[in-house]
Structure formats: structure tokens, C-alpha cells
Protein backbone atom coordinates (compact mmCIF):
# COMPACT_ATOMS: atom_id res chain seq x y z
CA MET A 1 7.91 11.45 2.37
CA GLU A 2 9.77 9.66 5.42
CA GLN A 3 10.79 6.26 4.92
CA ARG A 4 8.33 3.44 5.47
CA ALA A 5 8.29 -0.25 4.77
CA PHE A 6 5.58 -2.24 2.69
CA ILE A 7 4.60 -5.59 4.40
CA PHE A 8 2.51 -7.94 2.96
CA ALA A 9 1.39 -11.19 4.97
CA LEU A 10 0.88 -14.52 2.90
CA CYS A 11 -2.79 -14.04 3.74
CA LEU A 12 -3.33 -11.35 1.22
CA VAL A 13 -3.99 -13.22 -1.74
CA ALA A 14 -6.76 -11.12 -3.43
CA THR A 15 -5.75 -9.35 -6.66
CA LEU A 16 -7.01 -6.40 -8.42
CA GLY A 17 -8.73 -7.77 -11.89
CA GLY A 18 -8.16 -5.82 -15.18
CA GLN A 19 -11.14 -3.62 -14.76
CA HIS A 20 -11.65 -0.53 -16.97
CA MET A 21 -12.30 2.70 -15.35
CA LEU A 22 -14.09 5.81 -16.97
CA ALA A 23 -12.93 9.46 -15.86
CA GLU A 24 -14.80 12.73 -16.52
CA LEU A 25 -12.14 15.65 -16.61
CA HIS A 26 -13.36 18.45 -14.23
CA GLN A 27 -12.16 21.39 -12.19
CA THR A 28 -11.09 20.70 -8.45
CA PRO A 29 -13.37 22.61 -5.91
CA ASP A 30 -10.54 25.26 -5.55
CA ASN A 31 -10.09 25.82 -9.09
CA SER A 32 -6.50 24.86 -8.78
CA GLY A 33 -6.22 21.92 -11.29
CA TYR A 34 -7.98 19.33 -13.10
CA GLY A 35 -9.54 16.48 -11.51
CA LEU A 36 -10.90 13.05 -12.74
CA ALA A 37 -14.22 11.46 -11.35
CA LEU A 38 -13.50 7.79 -11.86
CA ALA A 39 -16.08 5.22 -12.04
CA GLN A 40 -15.35 1.56 -12.28
CA GLN A 41 -17.12 -0.36 -15.23
CA GLN A 42 -16.52 -3.39 -17.18
CA SER A 43 -16.83 -1.54 -20.64
CA ALA A 44 -18.01 1.59 -21.76
CA PRO A 45 -17.29 4.58 -23.86
CA ALA A 46 -15.17 7.39 -22.48
CA LEU A 47 -17.47 10.22 -20.78
CA ARG A 48 -16.98 13.68 -22.65
CA MET A 49 -16.44 16.57 -20.48
CA SER A 50 -18.54 19.69 -20.91
CA GLY A 51 -17.34 22.99 -22.09
CA ALA A 52 -13.73 23.23 -23.43
CA PRO A 53 -12.17 19.95 -24.72
CA ALA A 54 -9.34 18.15 -22.45
CA PRO A 55 -5.93 19.44 -22.58
CA GLY A 56 -3.08 16.97 -23.81
CA ILE A 57 -2.13 14.35 -21.07
CA ARG A 58 1.00 16.38 -19.91
CA GLN A 59 -1.09 19.67 -19.37
CA VAL A 60 -3.27 17.76 -16.71
CA ASP A 61 -2.10 18.51 -13.14
CA PHE A 62 -2.20 15.00 -11.45
CA ARG A 63 -0.98 16.68 -8.25
CA HIS A 64 -4.45 18.70 -8.07
CA PHE A 65 -6.86 15.70 -9.07
CA THR A 66 -9.76 13.42 -7.60
CA TYR A 67 -8.56 9.83 -7.68
CA SER A 68 -10.82 6.56 -7.34
CA THR A 69 -9.09 4.70 -4.81
CA LEU A 70 -8.32 0.71 -5.15
CA THR A 71 -10.87 -1.49 -3.46
CA GLU A 72 -8.00 -3.19 -1.44
CA ASP A 73 -6.93 0.53 -0.35
CA ARG A 74 -10.49 1.04 1.05
CA LYS A 75 -10.59 -2.11 2.75
CA ASP A 76 -6.95 -1.85 4.32
CA TYR A 77 -6.86 1.68 5.18
CA ARG A 78 -10.65 2.94 5.31
CA LEU A 79 -9.94 5.50 2.52
CA PRO A 80 -13.16 6.96 0.96
CA GLU A 81 -13.98 5.88 -2.64
CA ARG A 82 -12.75 9.26 -4.10
CA VAL A 83 -9.61 11.22 -2.86
CA THR A 84 -8.82 14.80 -3.77
CA VAL A 85 -5.27 15.67 -3.77
CA GLN A 86 -3.83 19.22 -3.19
CA GLY A 87 -0.19 19.56 -3.92
CA GLY A 88 -0.15 15.92 -4.42
CA LYS A 89 -1.37 15.13 -0.79
CA ALA A 90 -4.51 14.21 0.94
CA ALA A 91 -5.18 13.06 4.68
CA PHE A 92 -8.06 11.60 6.41
CA GLY A 93 -8.73 10.76 9.99
CA GLN A 94 -6.88 11.76 13.08
CA GLY A 95 -4.14 10.44 15.21
CA SER A 96 -3.06 6.72 14.95
CA GLU A 97 -6.29 6.40 12.56
CA GLU A 98 -5.06 9.03 10.10
CA VAL A 99 -4.46 7.78 6.60
CA PHE A 100 -2.71 9.50 3.89
CA PHE A 101 -2.97 9.39 -0.13
CA GLU A 102 0.15 10.96 -2.05
CA VAL A 103 1.12 11.12 -5.81
CA GLU A 104 4.74 10.18 -5.78
CA SER A 105 5.25 10.68 -9.49
CA VAL A 106 4.23 10.90 -13.03
CA HIS A 107 5.82 9.10 -15.93
CA TYR A 108 5.00 9.65 -19.71
CA ALA A 109 5.21 6.97 -22.47
CA ARG A 110 3.40 5.56 -25.50
CA PHE A 111 2.51 2.42 -23.64
CA ALA A 112 -0.32 1.54 -26.02
CA GLY A 113 1.74 1.81 -28.94
CA GLY A 114 -0.23 5.04 -30.54
CA ARG A 115 0.65 8.13 -31.32
CA GLU A 116 -0.39 10.01 -28.07
CA GLU A 117 1.38 9.31 -24.67
CA GLU A 118 -0.28 8.06 -21.70
CA ALA A 119 0.59 9.03 -18.17
CA LEU A 120 1.52 6.53 -15.31
CA VAL A 121 0.57 8.06 -11.83
CA GLU A 122 2.62 6.49 -8.93
CA ALA A 123 0.67 6.69 -5.77
CA SER A 124 0.89 5.75 -2.19
CA CYS A 125 -1.61 5.43 0.66
CA GLY A 126 -1.43 4.09 4.31
CA TYR A 127 -1.59 4.79 7.87
CA THR A 128 0.32 8.04 8.85
CA SER A 129 1.52 6.39 12.09
CA ALA A 130 2.71 3.24 10.42
CA ASN A 131 5.83 1.97 8.62
CA ALA A 132 3.85 0.09 5.97
CA TRP A 133 1.58 1.16 2.91
CA SER A 134 0.40 0.39 -0.51
CA ASP A 135 1.90 1.32 -3.58
CA ASP A 136 -0.74 2.15 -6.46
CA PHE A 137 -0.22 2.80 -10.25
CA TYR A 138 -2.81 4.39 -12.26
CA LEU A 139 -2.56 4.77 -16.26
CA PHE A 140 -4.41 7.80 -17.91
CA ALA A 141 -4.93 8.53 -21.61
CA GLU A 142 -6.12 11.48 -23.37
CA ALA A 143 -7.92 11.69 -27.06
CA ASP A 144 -10.45 14.02 -28.54
CA GLY A 145 -11.54 15.65 -25.51
CA HIS A 146 -11.77 12.39 -23.56
CA VAL A 147 -9.72 11.40 -20.48
CA ARG A 148 -9.75 7.80 -19.37
CA CYS A 149 -8.17 5.81 -16.62
CA LEU A 150 -7.20 2.67 -18.68
CA THR A 151 -6.18 0.58 -15.54
CA ALA A 152 -5.03 0.84 -11.76
CA PHE A 153 -3.24 -1.72 -9.90
CA GLY A 154 -1.76 -1.90 -6.31
CA SER A 155 0.73 -3.45 -4.06
CA ARG A 156 -1.33 -6.67 -3.92
CA LYS A 157 -1.10 -7.42 -7.39
CA LEU A 158 2.72 -6.76 -7.08
CA TYR A 159 3.09 -9.14 -4.19
CA MET A 160 1.08 -11.87 -5.90
CA ASP A 161 3.49 -11.63 -8.90
CA TYR A 162 6.53 -11.71 -6.89
CA VAL A 163 5.69 -14.64 -4.81
CA HIS A 164 4.62 -16.47 -7.96
CA TYR A 165 8.19 -16.65 -9.02
CA CYS A 166 9.69 -16.42 -5.61
CA PRO A 167 7.48 -18.33 -2.87
CA GLY A 168 7.85 -17.03 0.62
CA GLY A 169 9.32 -13.88 -0.52
CA VAL A 170 8.34 -10.55 0.91
CA LEU A 171 8.38 -7.18 -0.66
CA TRP A 172 9.74 -4.34 1.75
CA GLU A 173 10.18 -1.05 0.02
CA LEU A 174 9.67 0.38 -3.54
CA LYS A 175 12.92 1.90 -3.99
CA ALA A 176 12.84 3.35 -7.96
CA VAL A 177 10.30 3.44 -10.78
CA ARG A 178 11.38 3.52 -14.22
CA VAL A 179 9.70 3.74 -17.58
CA GLN A 180 11.74 2.43 -20.66
CA ASN A 181 10.01 2.62 -23.92
CA THR A 182 6.72 0.54 -22.97
CA LEU A 183 8.30 -1.23 -19.84
CA ILE A 184 7.43 -0.29 -16.32
CA SER A 185 10.64 -1.37 -14.14
CA LEU A 186 10.08 -1.50 -10.23
CA ASP A 187 13.05 -2.02 -7.80
CA TYR A 188 12.02 -3.23 -4.47
CA LEU A 189 13.77 -4.32 -1.14
CA VAL A 190 12.98 -7.74 -0.83
CA ASP A 191 13.19 -10.97 1.60
CA GLY A 192 15.38 -11.13 4.68
CA CYS A 193 13.80 -8.80 7.22
CA HIS A 194 12.75 -5.19 7.32
CA ALA A 195 16.05 -4.09 8.93
CA GLN A 196 18.07 -6.04 6.70
CA PRO A 197 16.84 -7.18 3.33
CA THR A 198 18.40 -9.59 1.45
CA TYR A 199 17.81 -8.49 -2.21
CA ILE A 200 16.99 -5.83 -4.62
CA SER A 201 14.61 -7.19 -7.12
CA THR A 202 13.47 -5.63 -10.30
CA LEU A 203 9.90 -6.34 -11.37
CA MET A 204 8.90 -5.68 -15.24
CA TYR A 205 5.41 -4.76 -16.44
CA ARG A 206 4.35 -4.56 -20.11
CA TRP A 207 0.86 -3.02 -21.09
CA SER A 208 -1.12 -6.43 -22.58
CA GLY A 209 -3.98 -3.96 -24.19
CA ARG A 210 -6.01 -4.19 -21.12
CA ASP A 211 -3.71 -4.11 -18.27
CA PHE A 212 -0.19 -4.47 -16.85
CA GLN A 213 1.26 -7.82 -16.97
CA ILE A 214 4.58 -8.96 -15.30
CA SER A 215 7.17 -9.39 -18.04
CA GLY A 216 9.53 -12.47 -17.10
CA VAL A 217 11.13 -13.64 -13.72
CA PRO A 218 11.98 -11.00 -11.29
CA GLN A 219 15.57 -10.20 -11.22
CA ARG A 220 17.29 -10.20 -7.99
CA ARG A 221 20.68 -9.23 -6.88
CA ARG A 222 22.32 -9.07 -3.13
CA PHE A 223 21.52 -5.85 -1.26
CA GLU A 224 24.45 -4.40 0.44
CA GLY A 225 22.86 -1.19 1.93
């Protein structure tokens, strides 16, 4: 995907709460892969799929999936509540109003500390004609024929976490996502201006048992790009 910058004004103070989402595994309409019909709920048992049991988490094709979009993305970009990606991509609208949803990467780790892995899906969405977009993350788990979205969060949480430690700061662009044991490390170009960011900052997140919480003060180093 072409380079875009991620800009958040200080007025964006809402943050996504640690809400649970449930998912029922099903085939996408063209039978090209599995999808998830997600429902935001506070607490409920996982939904069992009909027919054959769910495959292991590494067997699920996250690039042919139906995702539940974050509330912030529906407000900012007018995305529908559910988005089905084919080949990892989906688009809606036309011209300057066209918006995209794209799966960027999938990472596997035992975030919850159990025997089975979970899948961390990195996605992005925004207006196709703009140079600003949102970075979203979904954590999925599978066990005994059940697939569950354990949590999801987006750029507003990342922004609020960053400015909590670096008041007046700005996140410009996500450069790298790394998973190390149970930690997520996100490298962002930050501060300064879009054309000349001042630092590269690493935000680290750890699974709390309910959601991902920032782990320590974001580390910054001078950007020499």
C-alpha cells in the first residue's frame, strides 16, 4: 500500500474500551476462505459454528474474512459495521469518498500464556484519496471448535497512550510491527512534521488478560530519514 501518514488531532480523545467480541466461523460468500461474524458484547460464551469444528488458528485465512469494524472507524470513515476482505482488501464508495480496509499482516504468539497460539491481525483503513488512515489490531483465538475475537483496538488508543507520556506529540506513520514472546512492539514516526518527523518511537503492549495495555514509557530515538 502506498505511503500514507497517520495524523490525529488533540481533539480525538475517545478511546476504545476493553470490550469483548465474539465470532462465529463461517465461509465467505465466494467460499474462498473463512470469515468471522463478530458481535460486540460485554461477556458471553463463544458461539459454536455449525458443522465441522473450527480449524487451528494458523489454518484460518484472515485475508478472506469478515471483520467487525471499530466504532471509531465507522465514525471517522463511514465504514460499514462488517467488512469482508478478498485477498486482504475491501473498498467502499467512489471518488474522494472511497474508503478502504486492508489486512497488513498476521502474527502468531501465545499472548494469553496458554498452550495454543493466538493470531494478531494488523489492519488499516481510511480514505483512499487521503494520506491519513487508522491502524487497527485484532486478537483472535481458537479452541475446541470455537473462534473468538479477544480484543480489538485502533489508532485512538495508540495516540492517547503516546501523548500520555509525550504531551503534545503526534503519531505520523507506523513503520514496523514486531511480536516478541507476549509483547507487541510498534515503531512509529512521531513529532515534528509529516515531511520531517523528529523521532522513531517504540510503543510496547502486553496482554493483560482482557486487553492490551502499554508496557512502559515509549522509547524514542532521533529519526535520520
